[in-house]
PDB file of all heavy atoms in Angstrom:
ATOM      1  N   SER A   1       0.856  -1.191   0.013  1.00  0.00           N
ATOM      2  CA  SER A   1       0.013   0.014  -0.014  1.00  0.00           C
ATOM      3  C   SER A   1       0.872   1.253   0.008  1.00  0.00           C
ATOM      4  O   SER A   1       1.536   1.554   0.998  1.00  0.00           O
ATOM      5  CB  SER A   1      -0.925   0.026   1.246  1.00  0.00           C
ATOM      6  OG  SER A   1      -1.515   1.271   1.410  1.00  0.00           O
ATOM      7  N   SER A   2       0.850   1.978  -1.114  1.00  0.00           N
ATOM      8  CA  SER A   2       1.647   3.230  -1.204  1.00  0.00           C
ATOM      9  C   SER A   2       1.055   4.284  -0.255  1.00  0.00           C
ATOM     10  O   SER A   2       1.775   5.177   0.183  1.00  0.00           O
ATOM     11  CB  SER A   2       1.709   3.723  -2.619  1.00  0.00           C
ATOM     12  OG  SER A   2       0.419   3.909  -3.152  1.00  0.00           O
ATOM     13  N   LYS A   3      -0.253   4.217   0.021  1.00  0.00           N
ATOM     14  CA  LYS A   3      -0.882   5.171   0.969  1.00  0.00           C
ATOM     15  C   LYS A   3      -0.319   4.928   2.362  1.00  0.00           C
ATOM     16  O   LYS A   3       0.004   5.895   3.081  1.00  0.00           O
ATOM     17  CB  LYS A   3      -2.389   4.973   0.957  1.00  0.00           C
ATOM     18  CG  LYS A   3      -3.080   5.857   1.965  1.00  0.00           C
ATOM     19  CD  LYS A   3      -3.000   7.334   1.590  1.00  0.00           C
ATOM     20  CE  LYS A   3      -3.813   8.192   2.555  1.00  0.00           C
ATOM     21  NZ  LYS A   3      -3.708   9.626   2.250  1.00  0.00           N
ATOM     22  N   LEU A   4      -0.240   3.677   2.779  1.00  0.00           N
ATOM     23  CA  LEU A   4       0.322   3.404   4.124  1.00  0.00           C
ATOM     24  C   LEU A   4       1.821   3.756   4.133  1.00  0.00           C
ATOM     25  O   LEU A   4       2.325   4.224   5.167  1.00  0.00           O
ATOM     26  CB  LEU A   4       0.145   1.928   4.448  1.00  0.00           C
ATOM     27  CG  LEU A   4      -1.301   1.502   4.763  1.00  0.00           C
ATOM     28  CD1 LEU A   4      -1.393  -0.008   5.029  1.00  0.00           C
ATOM     29  CD2 LEU A   4      -1.863   2.294   5.929  1.00  0.00           C
ATOM     30  N   MET A   5       2.492   3.583   3.033  1.00  0.00           N
ATOM     31  CA  MET A   5       3.897   4.011   2.943  1.00  0.00           C
ATOM     32  C   MET A   5       3.979   5.514   3.253  1.00  0.00           C
ATOM     33  O   MET A   5       4.877   5.966   3.982  1.00  0.00           O
ATOM     34  CB  MET A   5       4.425   3.703   1.568  1.00  0.00           C
ATOM     35  CG  MET A   5       5.826   4.278   1.276  1.00  0.00           C
ATOM     36  SD  MET A   5       7.146   3.443   2.137  1.00  0.00           S
ATOM     37  CE  MET A   5       7.463   2.106   0.993  1.00  0.00           C
ATOM     38  N   GLU A   6       3.094   6.300   2.659  1.00  0.00           N
ATOM     39  CA  GLU A   6       3.101   7.726   2.912  1.00  0.00           C
ATOM     40  C   GLU A   6       2.778   8.042   4.391  1.00  0.00           C
ATOM     41  O   GLU A   6       3.456   8.865   4.983  1.00  0.00           O
ATOM     42  CB  GLU A   6       2.022   8.412   2.021  1.00  0.00           C
ATOM     43  CG  GLU A   6       2.302   8.319   0.523  1.00  0.00           C
ATOM     44  CD  GLU A   6       1.108   8.752  -0.293  1.00  0.00           C
ATOM     45  OE1 GLU A   6       0.155   9.296   0.301  1.00  0.00           O
ATOM     46  OE2 GLU A   6       1.123   8.529  -1.520  1.00  0.00           O
ATOM     47  N   LEU A   7       1.779   7.361   4.933  1.00  0.00           N
ATOM     48  CA  LEU A   7       1.412   7.623   6.314  1.00  0.00           C
ATOM     49  C   LEU A   7       2.511   7.225   7.314  1.00  0.00           C
ATOM     50  O   LEU A   7       2.772   7.913   8.279  1.00  0.00           O
ATOM     51  CB  LEU A   7       0.139   6.860   6.648  1.00  0.00           C
ATOM     52  CG  LEU A   7      -1.154   7.318   5.947  1.00  0.00           C
ATOM     53  CD1 LEU A   7      -2.331   6.416   6.297  1.00  0.00           C
ATOM     54  CD2 LEU A   7      -1.491   8.745   6.304  1.00  0.00           C
ATOM     55  N   PHE A   8       3.181   6.125   7.003  1.00  0.00           N
ATOM     56  CA  PHE A   8       4.275   5.672   7.871  1.00  0.00           C
ATOM     57  C   PHE A   8       5.456   6.658   7.828  1.00  0.00           C
ATOM     58  O   PHE A   8       6.255   6.752   8.764  1.00  0.00           O
ATOM     59  CB  PHE A   8       4.759   4.279   7.493  1.00  0.00           C
ATOM     60  CG  PHE A   8       3.721   3.208   7.643  1.00  0.00           C
ATOM     61  CD1 PHE A   8       3.845   2.006   6.961  1.00  0.00           C
ATOM     62  CD2 PHE A   8       2.642   3.378   8.500  1.00  0.00           C
ATOM     63  CE1 PHE A   8       2.900   0.996   7.130  1.00  0.00           C
ATOM     64  CE2 PHE A   8       1.697   2.382   8.670  1.00  0.00           C
ATOM     65  CZ  PHE A   8       1.811   1.191   7.979  1.00  0.00           C
ATOM     66  N   SER A   9       5.574   7.363   6.684  1.00  0.00           N
ATOM     67  CA  SER A   9       6.717   8.267   6.506  1.00  0.00           C
ATOM     68  C   SER A   9       6.434   9.642   7.038  1.00  0.00           C
ATOM     69  O   SER A   9       7.332  10.466   7.188  1.00  0.00           O
ATOM     70  CB  SER A   9       7.054   8.360   5.010  1.00  0.00           C
ATOM     71  OG  SER A   9       7.332   7.080   4.488  1.00  0.00           O
ATOM     72  N   GLU A  10       5.179   9.936   7.322  1.00  0.00           N
ATOM     73  CA  GLU A  10       4.790  11.252   7.779  1.00  0.00           C
ATOM     74  C   GLU A  10       5.053  11.423   9.272  1.00  0.00           C
ATOM     75  O   GLU A  10       5.142  10.485  10.030  1.00  0.00           O
ATOM     76  CB  GLU A  10       3.314  11.546   7.490  1.00  0.00           C
ATOM     77  CG  GLU A  10       3.029  11.722   5.996  1.00  0.00           C
ATOM     78  CD  GLU A  10       1.549  11.902   5.738  1.00  0.00           C
ATOM     79  OE1 GLU A  10       0.785  11.850   6.719  1.00  0.00           O
ATOM     80  OE2 GLU A  10       1.181  12.128   4.575  1.00  0.00           O
ATOM     81  N   ASP A  11       5.157  12.708   9.661  1.00  0.00           N
ATOM     82  CA  ASP A  11       5.268  13.008  11.099  1.00  0.00           C
ATOM     83  C   ASP A  11       4.190  14.038  11.384  1.00  0.00           C
ATOM     84  O   ASP A  11       4.468  15.236  11.451  1.00  0.00           O
ATOM     85  CB  ASP A  11       6.657  13.526  11.403  1.00  0.00           C
ATOM     86  CG  ASP A  11       6.870  13.782  12.901  1.00  0.00           C
ATOM     87  OD1 ASP A  11       6.049  13.243  13.684  1.00  0.00           O
ATOM     88  OD2 ASP A  11       7.808  14.484  13.265  1.00  0.00           O
ATOM     89  N   ASP A  12       2.954  13.553  11.577  1.00  0.00           N
ATOM     90  CA  ASP A  12       1.839  14.487  11.815  1.00  0.00           C
ATOM     91  C   ASP A  12       1.022  14.061  13.020  1.00  0.00           C
ATOM     92  O   ASP A  12       1.417  13.140  13.757  1.00  0.00           O
ATOM     93  CB  ASP A  12       0.946  14.582  10.554  1.00  0.00           C
ATOM     94  CG  ASP A  12       0.486  13.231  10.089  1.00  0.00           C
ATOM     95  OD1 ASP A  12       0.350  12.331  10.951  1.00  0.00           O
ATOM     96  OD2 ASP A  12       0.264  13.059   8.878  1.00  0.00           O
ATOM     97  N   ASP A  13      -0.085  14.712  13.183  1.00  0.00           N
ATOM     98  CA  ASP A  13      -0.891  14.478  14.363  1.00  0.00           C
ATOM     99  C   ASP A  13      -1.550  13.117  14.395  1.00  0.00           C
ATOM    100  O   ASP A  13      -1.994  12.632  15.425  1.00  0.00           O
ATOM    101  CB  ASP A  13      -2.005  15.557  14.471  1.00  0.00           C
ATOM    102  CG  ASP A  13      -1.400  16.916  14.709  1.00  0.00           C
ATOM    103  OD1 ASP A  13      -0.229  16.967  15.188  1.00  0.00           O
ATOM    104  OD2 ASP A  13      -2.058  17.892  14.356  1.00  0.00           O
ATOM    105  N   GLU A  14      -1.629  12.442  13.180  1.00  0.00           N
ATOM    106  CA  GLU A  14      -2.292  11.142  13.141  1.00  0.00           C
ATOM    107  C   GLU A  14      -1.370  10.008  13.605  1.00  0.00           C
ATOM    108  O   GLU A  14      -1.806   8.914  13.804  1.00  0.00           O
ATOM    109  CB  GLU A  14      -2.726  10.874  11.709  1.00  0.00           C
ATOM    110  CG  GLU A  14      -3.886  11.776  11.260  1.00  0.00           C
ATOM    111  CD  GLU A  14      -4.351  11.378   9.874  1.00  0.00           C
ATOM    112  OE1 GLU A  14      -3.546  10.800   9.120  1.00  0.00           O
ATOM    113  OE2 GLU A  14      -5.499  11.690   9.549  1.00  0.00           O
ATOM    114  N   LYS A  15      -0.084  10.304  13.811  1.00  0.00           N
ATOM    115  CA  LYS A  15       0.879   9.273  14.133  1.00  0.00           C
ATOM    116  C   LYS A  15       1.483   9.526  15.500  1.00  0.00           C
ATOM    117  O   LYS A  15       2.007  10.587  15.785  1.00  0.00           O
ATOM    118  CB  LYS A  15       1.965   9.199  13.063  1.00  0.00           C
ATOM    119  CG  LYS A  15       2.953   8.084  13.291  1.00  0.00           C
ATOM    120  CD  LYS A  15       3.847   7.923  12.083  1.00  0.00           C
ATOM    121  CE  LYS A  15       4.830   9.050  11.922  1.00  0.00           C
ATOM    122  NZ  LYS A  15       5.739   8.812  10.814  1.00  0.00           N
ATOM    123  N   THR A  16       1.401   8.559  16.395  1.00  0.00           N
ATOM    124  CA  THR A  16       2.030   8.677  17.739  1.00  0.00           C
ATOM    125  C   THR A  16       2.906   7.446  17.930  1.00  0.00           C
ATOM    126  O   THR A  16       2.660   6.385  17.328  1.00  0.00           O
ATOM    127  CB  THR A  16       0.977   8.728  18.827  1.00  0.00           C
ATOM    128  OG1 THR A  16       0.181   7.533  18.773  1.00  0.00           O
ATOM    129  CG2 THR A  16       0.062   9.951  18.645  1.00  0.00           C
ATOM    130  N   SER A  17       3.923   7.601  18.764  1.00  0.00           N
ATOM    131  CA  SER A  17       4.851   6.495  18.949  1.00  0.00           C
ATOM    132  C   SER A  17       5.112   6.269  20.433  1.00  0.00           C
ATOM    133  O   SER A  17       5.249   7.248  21.193  1.00  0.00           O
ATOM    134  CB  SER A  17       6.179   6.806  18.237  1.00  0.00           C
ATOM    135  OG  SER A  17       7.099   5.724  18.433  1.00  0.00           O
ATOM    136  N   SER A  18       5.106   5.008  20.856  1.00  0.00           N
ATOM    137  CA  SER A  18       5.374   4.658  22.223  1.00  0.00           C
ATOM    138  C   SER A  18       6.877   4.464  22.381  1.00  0.00           C
ATOM    139  O   SER A  18       7.448   3.628  21.691  1.00  0.00           O
ATOM    140  CB  SER A  18       4.629   3.370  22.603  1.00  0.00           C
ATOM    141  OG  SER A  18       5.077   2.880  23.856  1.00  0.00           O
ATOM    142  N   PRO A  19       7.547   5.235  23.231  1.00  0.00           N
ATOM    143  CA  PRO A  19       9.012   5.105  23.366  1.00  0.00           C
ATOM    144  C   PRO A  19       9.427   3.713  23.789  1.00  0.00           C
ATOM    145  O   PRO A  19      10.491   3.279  23.420  1.00  0.00           O
ATOM    146  CB  PRO A  19       9.319   6.131  24.445  1.00  0.00           C
ATOM    147  CG  PRO A  19       8.139   7.073  24.504  1.00  0.00           C
ATOM    148  CD  PRO A  19       6.960   6.243  24.081  1.00  0.00           C
ATOM    149  N   GLU A  20       8.601   3.028  24.619  1.00  0.00           N
ATOM    150  CA  GLU A  20       9.016   1.733  25.112  1.00  0.00           C
ATOM    151  C   GLU A  20       8.993   0.697  23.996  1.00  0.00           C
ATOM    152  O   GLU A  20       9.909  -0.111  23.862  1.00  0.00           O
ATOM    153  CB  GLU A  20       8.085   1.287  26.262  1.00  0.00           C
ATOM    154  CG  GLU A  20       8.159   2.184  27.475  1.00  0.00           C
ATOM    155  CD  GLU A  20       7.298   3.427  27.371  1.00  0.00           C
ATOM    156  OE1 GLU A  20       6.498   3.511  26.380  1.00  0.00           O
ATOM    157  OE2 GLU A  20       7.444   4.356  28.179  1.00  0.00           O
ATOM    158  N   SER A  21       7.947   0.655  23.239  1.00  0.00           N
ATOM    159  CA  SER A  21       7.771  -0.409  22.286  1.00  0.00           C
ATOM    160  C   SER A  21       8.143  -0.004  20.860  1.00  0.00           C
ATOM    161  O   SER A  21       8.245  -0.850  19.947  1.00  0.00           O
ATOM    162  CB  SER A  21       6.317  -0.917  22.261  1.00  0.00           C
ATOM    163  OG  SER A  21       5.466   0.145  21.881  1.00  0.00           O
ATOM    164  N   HIS A  22       8.313   1.302  20.613  1.00  0.00           N
ATOM    165  CA  HIS A  22       8.572   1.844  19.278  1.00  0.00           C
ATOM    166  C   HIS A  22       7.471   1.427  18.312  1.00  0.00           C
ATOM    167  O   HIS A  22       7.697   1.260  17.121  1.00  0.00           O
ATOM    168  CB  HIS A  22       9.944   1.332  18.745  1.00  0.00           C
ATOM    169  CG  HIS A  22      11.083   1.678  19.597  1.00  0.00           C
ATOM    170  ND1 HIS A  22      11.552   2.973  19.716  1.00  0.00           N
ATOM    171  CD2 HIS A  22      11.847   0.929  20.452  1.00  0.00           C
ATOM    172  CE1 HIS A  22      12.574   3.016  20.563  1.00  0.00           C
ATOM    173  NE2 HIS A  22      12.767   1.789  21.032  1.00  0.00           N
ATOM    174  N   THR A  23       6.282   1.299  18.815  1.00  0.00           N
ATOM    175  CA  THR A  23       5.105   0.951  17.981  1.00  0.00           C
ATOM    176  C   THR A  23       4.408   2.230  17.563  1.00  0.00           C
ATOM    177  O   THR A  23       4.132   3.106  18.364  1.00  0.00           O
ATOM    178  CB  THR A  23       4.114   0.083  18.800  1.00  0.00           C
ATOM    179  OG1 THR A  23       4.780  -1.109  19.196  1.00  0.00           O
ATOM    180  CG2 THR A  23       2.931  -0.286  17.884  1.00  0.00           C
ATOM    181  N   VAL A  24       4.175   2.309  16.229  1.00  0.00           N
ATOM    182  CA  VAL A  24       3.507   3.485  15.661  1.00  0.00           C
ATOM    183  C   VAL A  24       2.026   3.268  15.608  1.00  0.00           C
ATOM    184  O   VAL A  24       1.571   2.168  15.229  1.00  0.00           O
ATOM    185  CB  VAL A  24       4.066   3.779  14.251  1.00  0.00           C
ATOM    186  CG1 VAL A  24       3.304   4.886  13.574  1.00  0.00           C
ATOM    187  CG2 VAL A  24       5.551   4.128  14.331  1.00  0.00           C
ATOM    188  N   HIS A  25       1.233   4.266  15.954  1.00  0.00           N
ATOM    189  CA  HIS A  25      -0.230   4.211  15.893  1.00  0.00           C
ATOM    190  C   HIS A  25      -0.702   5.095  14.747  1.00  0.00           C
ATOM    191  O   HIS A  25      -0.368   6.307  14.664  1.00  0.00           O
ATOM    192  CB  HIS A  25      -0.843   4.717  17.221  1.00  0.00           C
ATOM    193  CG  HIS A  25      -0.535   3.816  18.376  1.00  0.00           C
ATOM    194  ND1 HIS A  25      -1.432   2.942  18.939  1.00  0.00           N
ATOM    195  CD2 HIS A  25       0.616   3.652  19.127  1.00  0.00           C
ATOM    196  CE1 HIS A  25      -0.879   2.262  19.912  1.00  0.00           C
ATOM    197  NE2 HIS A  25       0.375   2.707  20.071  1.00  0.00           N
ATOM    198  N   ILE A  26      -1.471   4.519  13.841  1.00  0.00           N
ATOM    199  CA  ILE A  26      -2.023   5.231  12.680  1.00  0.00           C
ATOM    200  C   ILE A  26      -3.539   5.189  12.715  1.00  0.00           C
ATOM    201  O   ILE A  26      -4.122   4.122  12.808  1.00  0.00           O
ATOM    202  CB  ILE A  26      -1.519   4.665  11.353  1.00  0.00           C
ATOM    203  CG1 ILE A  26       0.018   4.743  11.240  1.00  0.00           C
ATOM    204  CG2 ILE A  26      -2.198   5.326  10.154  1.00  0.00           C
ATOM    205  CD1 ILE A  26       0.526   6.146  11.009  1.00  0.00           C
ATOM    206  N   THR A  27      -4.180   6.360  12.667  1.00  0.00           N
ATOM    207  CA  THR A  27      -5.616   6.403  12.589  1.00  0.00           C
ATOM    208  C   THR A  27      -6.012   6.626  11.131  1.00  0.00           C
ATOM    209  O   THR A  27      -5.603   7.617  10.496  1.00  0.00           O
ATOM    210  CB  THR A  27      -6.175   7.568  13.441  1.00  0.00           C
ATOM    211  OG1 THR A  27      -5.810   7.362  14.804  1.00  0.00           O
ATOM    212  CG2 THR A  27      -7.699   7.647  13.337  1.00  0.00           C
ATOM    213  N   LEU A  28      -6.786   5.703  10.606  1.00  0.00           N
ATOM    214  CA  LEU A  28      -7.258   5.784   9.199  1.00  0.00           C
ATOM    215  C   LEU A  28      -8.571   6.497   9.124  1.00  0.00           C
ATOM    216  O   LEU A  28      -9.552   6.092   9.766  1.00  0.00           O
ATOM    217  CB  LEU A  28      -7.352   4.381   8.579  1.00  0.00           C
ATOM    218  CG  LEU A  28      -6.061   3.592   8.477  1.00  0.00           C
ATOM    219  CD1 LEU A  28      -6.296   2.222   7.866  1.00  0.00           C
ATOM    220  CD2 LEU A  28      -5.012   4.345   7.663  1.00  0.00           C
ATOM    221  N   ASN A  29      -8.588   7.593   8.367  1.00  0.00           N
ATOM    222  CA  ASN A  29      -9.816   8.384   8.247  1.00  0.00           C
ATOM    223  C   ASN A  29     -10.720   7.827   7.161  1.00  0.00           C
ATOM    224  O   ASN A  29     -10.906   8.433   6.065  1.00  0.00           O
ATOM    225  CB  ASN A  29      -9.473   9.854   7.949  1.00  0.00           C
ATOM    226  CG  ASN A  29      -8.691  10.474   9.082  1.00  0.00           C
ATOM    227  OD1 ASN A  29      -9.005  10.251  10.245  1.00  0.00           O
ATOM    228  ND2 ASN A  29      -7.685  11.257   8.734  1.00  0.00           N
ATOM    229  N   LEU A  30     -11.271   6.649   7.408  1.00  0.00           N
ATOM    230  CA  LEU A  30     -12.149   6.022   6.453  1.00  0.00           C
ATOM    231  C   LEU A  30     -13.588   6.423   6.738  1.00  0.00           C
ATOM    232  O   LEU A  30     -13.921   7.052   7.779  1.00  0.00           O
ATOM    233  CB  LEU A  30     -12.007   4.521   6.523  1.00  0.00           C
ATOM    234  CG  LEU A  30     -10.632   3.970   6.049  1.00  0.00           C
ATOM    235  CD1 LEU A  30     -10.485   2.503   6.446  1.00  0.00           C
ATOM    236  CD2 LEU A  30     -10.444   4.152   4.595  1.00  0.00           C
ATOM    237  N   ASN A  31     -14.481   6.065   5.824  1.00  0.00           N
ATOM    238  CA  ASN A  31     -15.928   6.359   6.024  1.00  0.00           C
ATOM    239  C   ASN A  31     -16.393   5.797   7.336  1.00  0.00           C
ATOM    240  O   ASN A  31     -16.042   4.686   7.714  1.00  0.00           O
ATOM    241  CB  ASN A  31     -16.679   5.711   4.835  1.00  0.00           C
ATOM    242  CG  ASN A  31     -18.145   6.144   4.821  1.00  0.00           C
ATOM    243  OD1 ASN A  31     -18.846   5.933   5.817  1.00  0.00           O
ATOM    244  ND2 ASN A  31     -18.546   6.722   3.732  1.00  0.00           N
ATOM    245  N   PRO A  32     -17.197   6.561   8.100  1.00  0.00           N
ATOM    246  CA  PRO A  32     -17.658   6.065   9.406  1.00  0.00           C
ATOM    247  C   PRO A  32     -18.395   4.747   9.311  1.00  0.00           C
ATOM    248  O   PRO A  32     -18.420   3.976  10.279  1.00  0.00           O
ATOM    249  CB  PRO A  32     -18.620   7.196   9.902  1.00  0.00           C
ATOM    250  CG  PRO A  32     -18.130   8.415   9.153  1.00  0.00           C
ATOM    251  CD  PRO A  32     -17.636   7.923   7.826  1.00  0.00           C
ATOM    252  N   ASP A  33     -19.045   4.503   8.145  1.00  0.00           N
ATOM    253  CA  ASP A  33     -19.796   3.254   7.983  1.00  0.00           C
ATOM    254  C   ASP A  33     -18.879   2.092   7.590  1.00  0.00           C
ATOM    255  O   ASP A  33     -19.365   0.976   7.434  1.00  0.00           O
ATOM    256  CB  ASP A  33     -20.895   3.428   6.947  1.00  0.00           C
ATOM    257  CG  ASP A  33     -21.898   4.483   7.338  1.00  0.00           C
ATOM    258  OD1 ASP A  33     -22.120   4.621   8.539  1.00  0.00           O
ATOM    259  OD2 ASP A  33     -22.466   5.148   6.471  1.00  0.00           O
ATOM    260  N   PHE A  34     -17.631   2.383   7.381  1.00  0.00           N
ATOM    261  CA  PHE A  34     -16.684   1.371   6.931  1.00  0.00           C
ATOM    262  C   PHE A  34     -16.454   0.360   8.040  1.00  0.00           C
ATOM    263  O   PHE A  34     -16.141   0.695   9.186  1.00  0.00           O
ATOM    264  CB  PHE A  34     -15.361   2.041   6.516  1.00  0.00           C
ATOM    265  CG  PHE A  34     -14.359   1.104   5.933  1.00  0.00           C
ATOM    266  CD1 PHE A  34     -14.432   0.741   4.596  1.00  0.00           C
ATOM    267  CD2 PHE A  34     -13.368   0.555   6.696  1.00  0.00           C
ATOM    268  CE1 PHE A  34     -13.492  -0.093   4.038  1.00  0.00           C
ATOM    269  CE2 PHE A  34     -12.421  -0.286   6.169  1.00  0.00           C
ATOM    270  CZ  PHE A  34     -12.513  -0.629   4.829  1.00  0.00           C
ATOM    271  N   GLU A  35     -16.574  -0.901   7.716  1.00  0.00           N
ATOM    272  CA  GLU A  35     -16.381  -1.958   8.712  1.00  0.00           C
ATOM    273  C   GLU A  35     -14.931  -2.370   8.780  1.00  0.00           C
ATOM    274  O   GLU A  35     -14.260  -2.574   7.775  1.00  0.00           O
ATOM    275  CB  GLU A  35     -17.252  -3.190   8.344  1.00  0.00           C
ATOM    276  CG  GLU A  35     -18.751  -2.892   8.340  1.00  0.00           C
ATOM    277  CD  GLU A  35     -19.581  -4.126   8.015  1.00  0.00           C
ATOM    278  OE1 GLU A  35     -19.019  -5.220   8.047  1.00  0.00           O
ATOM    279  OE2 GLU A  35     -20.753  -3.975   7.731  1.00  0.00           O
ATOM    280  N   SER A  36     -14.454  -2.519  10.047  1.00  0.00           N
ATOM    281  CA  SER A  36     -13.048  -2.879  10.235  1.00  0.00           C
ATOM    282  C   SER A  36     -12.675  -4.241   9.643  1.00  0.00           C
ATOM    283  O   SER A  36     -11.555  -4.507   9.255  1.00  0.00           O
ATOM    284  CB  SER A  36     -12.689  -2.882  11.729  1.00  0.00           C
ATOM    285  OG  SER A  36     -13.548  -3.765  12.434  1.00  0.00           O
ATOM    286  N   LYS A  37     -13.716  -5.133   9.517  1.00  0.00           N
ATOM    287  CA  LYS A  37     -13.421  -6.456   8.966  1.00  0.00           C
ATOM    288  C   LYS A  37     -12.993  -6.386   7.491  1.00  0.00           C
ATOM    289  O   LYS A  37     -12.304  -7.245   6.998  1.00  0.00           O
ATOM    290  CB  LYS A  37     -14.635  -7.366   9.090  1.00  0.00           C
ATOM    291  CG  LYS A  37     -15.844  -6.987   8.254  1.00  0.00           C
ATOM    292  CD  LYS A  37     -16.968  -8.012   8.418  1.00  0.00           C
ATOM    293  CE  LYS A  37     -18.129  -7.670   7.534  1.00  0.00           C
ATOM    294  NZ  LYS A  37     -19.224  -8.699   7.660  1.00  0.00           N
ATOM    295  N   ILE A  38     -13.405  -5.306   6.794  1.00  0.00           N
ATOM    296  CA  ILE A  38     -12.971  -5.129   5.416  1.00  0.00           C
ATOM    297  C   ILE A  38     -11.472  -4.870   5.386  1.00  0.00           C
ATOM    298  O   ILE A  38     -10.725  -5.434   4.563  1.00  0.00           O
ATOM    299  CB  ILE A  38     -13.730  -3.968   4.744  1.00  0.00           C
ATOM    300  CG1 ILE A  38     -15.222  -4.275   4.625  1.00  0.00           C
ATOM    301  CG2 ILE A  38     -13.151  -3.665   3.366  1.00  0.00           C
ATOM    302  CD1 ILE A  38     -15.534  -5.480   3.795  1.00  0.00           C
ATOM    303  N   LEU A  39     -11.000  -3.997   6.296  1.00  0.00           N
ATOM    304  CA  LEU A  39      -9.555  -3.715   6.337  1.00  0.00           C
ATOM    305  C   LEU A  39      -8.771  -4.951   6.777  1.00  0.00           C
ATOM    306  O   LEU A  39      -7.688  -5.197   6.319  1.00  0.00           O
ATOM    307  CB  LEU A  39      -9.309  -2.547   7.288  1.00  0.00           C
ATOM    308  CG  LEU A  39      -7.862  -2.068   7.389  1.00  0.00           C
ATOM    309  CD1 LEU A  39      -7.349  -1.620   6.017  1.00  0.00           C
ATOM    310  CD2 LEU A  39      -7.692  -0.980   8.412  1.00  0.00           C
ATOM    311  N   GLU A  40      -9.412  -5.740   7.642  1.00  0.00           N
ATOM    312  CA  GLU A  40      -8.768  -6.980   8.085  1.00  0.00           C
ATOM    313  C   GLU A  40      -8.525  -7.908   6.918  1.00  0.00           C
ATOM    314  O   GLU A  40      -7.462  -8.563   6.809  1.00  0.00           O
ATOM    315  CB  GLU A  40      -9.653  -7.674   9.140  1.00  0.00           C
ATOM    316  CG  GLU A  40      -9.079  -7.633  10.527  1.00  0.00           C
ATOM    317  CD  GLU A  40      -9.936  -8.427  11.525  1.00  0.00           C
ATOM    318  OE1 GLU A  40     -11.096  -8.075  11.701  1.00  0.00           O
ATOM    319  OE2 GLU A  40      -9.379  -9.399  12.087  1.00  0.00           O
ATOM    320  N   LYS A  41      -9.462  -8.012   6.018  1.00  0.00           N
ATOM    321  CA  LYS A  41      -9.300  -8.859   4.811  1.00  0.00           C
ATOM    322  C   LYS A  41      -8.120  -8.375   3.965  1.00  0.00           C
ATOM    323  O   LYS A  41      -7.385  -9.186   3.407  1.00  0.00           O
ATOM    324  CB  LYS A  41     -10.573  -8.879   3.972  1.00  0.00           C
ATOM    325  CG  LYS A  41     -11.788  -9.545   4.662  1.00  0.00           C
ATOM    326  CD  LYS A  41     -13.004  -9.461   3.759  1.00  0.00           C
ATOM    327  CE  LYS A  41     -14.225 -10.085   4.401  1.00  0.00           C
ATOM    328  NZ  LYS A  41     -14.081 -11.556   4.469  1.00  0.00           N
ATOM    329  N   MET A  42      -7.944  -7.103   3.899  1.00  0.00           N
ATOM    330  CA  MET A  42      -6.884  -6.543   3.099  1.00  0.00           C
ATOM    331  C   MET A  42      -5.513  -6.731   3.761  1.00  0.00           C
ATOM    332  O   MET A  42      -4.509  -6.942   3.085  1.00  0.00           O
ATOM    333  CB  MET A  42      -7.147  -5.071   2.824  1.00  0.00           C
ATOM    334  CG  MET A  42      -8.481  -4.850   2.087  1.00  0.00           C
ATOM    335  SD  MET A  42      -8.983  -3.169   1.933  1.00  0.00           S
ATOM    336  CE  MET A  42      -7.809  -2.591   0.729  1.00  0.00           C
ATOM    337  N   ILE A  43      -5.498  -6.685   5.083  1.00  0.00           N
ATOM    338  CA  ILE A  43      -4.272  -6.997   5.778  1.00  0.00           C
ATOM    339  C   ILE A  43      -3.913  -8.460   5.642  1.00  0.00           C
ATOM    340  O   ILE A  43      -2.751  -8.851   5.464  1.00  0.00           O
ATOM    341  CB  ILE A  43      -4.373  -6.570   7.267  1.00  0.00           C
ATOM    342  CG1 ILE A  43      -4.500  -5.069   7.384  1.00  0.00           C
ATOM    343  CG2 ILE A  43      -3.162  -7.082   8.064  1.00  0.00           C
ATOM    344  CD1 ILE A  43      -4.687  -4.556   8.777  1.00  0.00           C
ATOM    345  N   ASP A  44      -4.966  -9.299   5.695  1.00  0.00           N
ATOM    346  CA  ASP A  44      -4.729 -10.749   5.453  1.00  0.00           C
ATOM    347  C   ASP A  44      -4.095 -10.986   4.083  1.00  0.00           C
ATOM    348  O   ASP A  44      -3.183 -11.786   3.937  1.00  0.00           O
ATOM    349  CB  ASP A  44      -6.047 -11.502   5.542  1.00  0.00           C
ATOM    350  CG  ASP A  44      -6.526 -11.668   6.961  1.00  0.00           C
ATOM    351  OD1 ASP A  44      -5.711 -11.534   7.885  1.00  0.00           O
ATOM    352  OD2 ASP A  44      -7.714 -11.914   7.156  1.00  0.00           O
ATOM    353  N   TYR A  45      -4.561 -10.207   3.109  1.00  0.00           N
ATOM    354  CA  TYR A  45      -3.993 -10.318   1.758  1.00  0.00           C
ATOM    355  C   TYR A  45      -2.500  -9.943   1.756  1.00  0.00           C
ATOM    356  O   TYR A  45      -1.690 -10.617   1.096  1.00  0.00           O
ATOM    357  CB  TYR A  45      -4.767  -9.399   0.792  1.00  0.00           C
ATOM    358  CG  TYR A  45      -4.033  -9.149  -0.502  1.00  0.00           C
ATOM    359  CD1 TYR A  45      -4.055 -10.100  -1.554  1.00  0.00           C
ATOM    360  CD2 TYR A  45      -3.339  -7.975  -0.672  1.00  0.00           C
ATOM    361  CE1 TYR A  45      -3.365  -9.852  -2.724  1.00  0.00           C
ATOM    362  CE2 TYR A  45      -2.654  -7.727  -1.860  1.00  0.00           C
ATOM    363  CZ  TYR A  45      -2.678  -8.646  -2.886  1.00  0.00           C
ATOM    364  OH  TYR A  45      -1.973  -8.425  -4.024  1.00  0.00           O
TER     365      TYR A  45
END
């Protein structure tokens, strides 16, 4: 996903990092009616 590549590379308000785990948190601004299981299928892919 080139979109996720862009988001991972950005340093904005949507991305926070935990110093202990170095885990990045990304909030995806998808349609409110969008079901998370759809994104799960794409991650499975």
